[in-house]
């Protein structure tokens, strides 16, 4: 069974940009990196959370992304929009550099934080 066939979810990926407003203050904005990206998001088990959270990442979910070449621009600190839910990207892994799929470690944000 392929990762693509298991891609039950569709998300948008956004990257953070900073600009300077007229008063000279930095303003943070989010811009679309990928829209309607197929993936699968699953909650982490307690064991998985223990492994990732030992480095204070507070990871909560794993997102599996097919075709890494198509989505190679996904990076840490981007965010994932899935319906009304928002996730921070903690880590992006191309397992064994096999280019089969990406595993993206996520932290679900509550109220945008």
Protein backbone atom coordinates (compact mmCIF):
# COMPACT_ATOMS: atom_id res chain seq x y z
CA UNK A 1 0.00 0.00 0.00
CA UNK A 2 1.41 3.39 -0.96
CA UNK A 3 1.57 6.54 1.13
CA UNK A 4 -0.45 8.31 -1.55
CA UNK A 5 -3.31 5.82 -1.20
CA UNK A 6 -3.33 6.50 2.55
CA UNK A 7 -3.42 10.28 2.08
CA UNK A 8 -6.88 10.93 3.47
CA UNK A 9 -6.36 14.57 4.41
CA UNK A 10 -5.81 17.80 2.50
CA UNK A 11 -3.93 20.67 4.14
CA UNK A 12 -2.42 24.04 3.37
CA UNK A 13 1.19 24.81 4.28
CA UNK A 14 2.14 28.38 5.12
CA UNK A 15 5.51 30.02 5.66
CA UNK A 16 6.19 32.94 7.94
CA UNK A 17 7.45 36.21 6.51
CA UNK A 18 8.38 39.44 8.22
CA UNK A 19 8.01 42.90 6.78
CA UNK A 20 8.48 46.35 8.19
CA UNK A 21 5.46 48.59 8.52
CA UNK A 22 5.38 52.35 7.99
CA UNK A 23 6.31 52.92 11.64
CA UNK A 24 9.43 50.73 11.36
CA UNK A 25 7.99 47.83 13.35
CA UNK A 26 8.29 44.23 12.22
CA UNK A 27 5.02 42.66 11.13
CA UNK A 28 4.62 38.89 10.84
CA UNK A 29 2.51 37.48 8.03
CA UNK A 30 1.80 33.97 6.78
CA UNK A 31 1.94 33.22 3.05
CA UNK A 32 0.84 30.10 1.19
CA UNK A 33 3.62 27.66 0.36
CA UNK A 34 1.39 24.74 -0.74
CA UNK A 35 -2.39 24.55 -1.01
CA UNK A 36 -4.59 21.46 -1.08
CA UNK A 37 -1.62 19.20 -0.33
CA UNK A 38 -2.53 15.51 0.12
CA UNK A 39 -1.25 13.92 3.33
CA UNK A 40 -2.17 11.84 6.34
CA UNK A 41 -2.09 13.26 9.85
CA UNK A 42 -2.09 10.87 12.80
CA UNK A 43 -1.77 11.51 16.53
CA UNK A 44 1.48 10.34 18.08
CA UNK A 45 1.42 7.46 20.51
CA UNK A 46 2.63 8.08 24.04
CA UNK A 47 5.94 6.35 23.23
CA UNK A 48 6.47 8.52 20.15
CA UNK A 49 5.70 11.67 22.11
CA UNK A 50 8.22 10.65 24.78
CA UNK A 51 10.93 10.24 22.12
CA UNK A 52 10.33 13.59 20.42
CA UNK A 53 9.44 15.58 23.51
CA UNK A 54 12.68 14.82 25.33
CA UNK A 55 14.11 17.73 23.33
CA UNK A 56 11.22 20.00 24.42
CA UNK A 57 9.51 19.94 21.04
CA UNK A 58 6.06 19.08 22.47
CA UNK A 59 5.21 17.08 19.34
CA UNK A 60 1.65 15.82 19.08
CA UNK A 61 1.13 14.46 15.53
CA UNK A 62 2.95 13.02 12.52
CA UNK A 63 2.06 14.04 8.98
CA UNK A 64 2.98 11.68 6.14
CA UNK A 65 3.49 13.40 2.78
CA UNK A 66 3.82 11.48 -0.51
CA UNK A 67 6.15 12.60 -3.31
CA UNK A 68 8.88 14.44 -1.39
CA UNK A 69 10.25 16.02 -4.57
CA UNK A 70 6.96 17.85 -5.09
CA UNK A 71 6.87 19.15 -1.52
CA UNK A 72 10.58 19.58 -0.82
CA UNK A 73 10.03 23.20 0.24
CA UNK A 74 8.39 22.22 3.53
CA UNK A 75 10.65 23.36 6.37
CA UNK A 76 10.67 23.61 10.14
CA UNK A 77 8.69 26.58 11.50
CA UNK A 78 6.18 26.49 8.64
CA UNK A 79 2.63 25.82 9.73
CA UNK A 80 -0.08 23.41 8.63
CA UNK A 81 -3.72 24.45 8.33
CA UNK A 82 -6.10 21.51 8.54
CA UNK A 83 -9.68 22.70 8.72
CA UNK A 84 -9.88 24.88 11.82
CA UNK A 85 -6.78 23.27 13.33
CA UNK A 86 -3.28 24.78 13.17
CA UNK A 87 -0.01 22.83 13.58
CA UNK A 88 3.57 24.07 13.91
CA UNK A 89 6.15 22.07 11.95
CA UNK A 90 8.85 20.90 14.35
CA UNK A 91 10.84 18.56 12.10
CA UNK A 92 10.83 17.35 8.48
CA UNK A 93 12.34 13.94 7.74
CA UNK A 94 13.02 12.19 4.43
CA UNK A 95 13.48 8.73 5.91
CA UNK A 96 16.82 7.19 4.88
CA UNK A 97 16.95 9.75 2.03
CA UNK A 98 14.82 7.25 0.04
CA UNK A 99 12.53 9.97 -1.42
CA UNK A 100 9.56 7.70 -0.77
CA UNK A 101 7.68 10.07 1.56
CA UNK A 102 8.23 12.78 4.14
CA UNK A 103 7.49 12.40 7.82
CA UNK A 104 6.67 15.77 9.31
CA UNK A 105 6.60 16.10 13.08
CA UNK A 106 3.88 18.52 14.22
CA UNK A 107 2.83 20.34 17.37
CA UNK A 108 -0.84 21.28 17.48
CA UNK A 109 -1.38 24.90 18.45
CA UNK A 110 -4.26 25.92 20.68
CA UNK A 111 -5.72 29.35 19.92
CA UNK A 112 -2.81 30.07 17.54
CA UNK A 113 -0.08 29.54 20.17
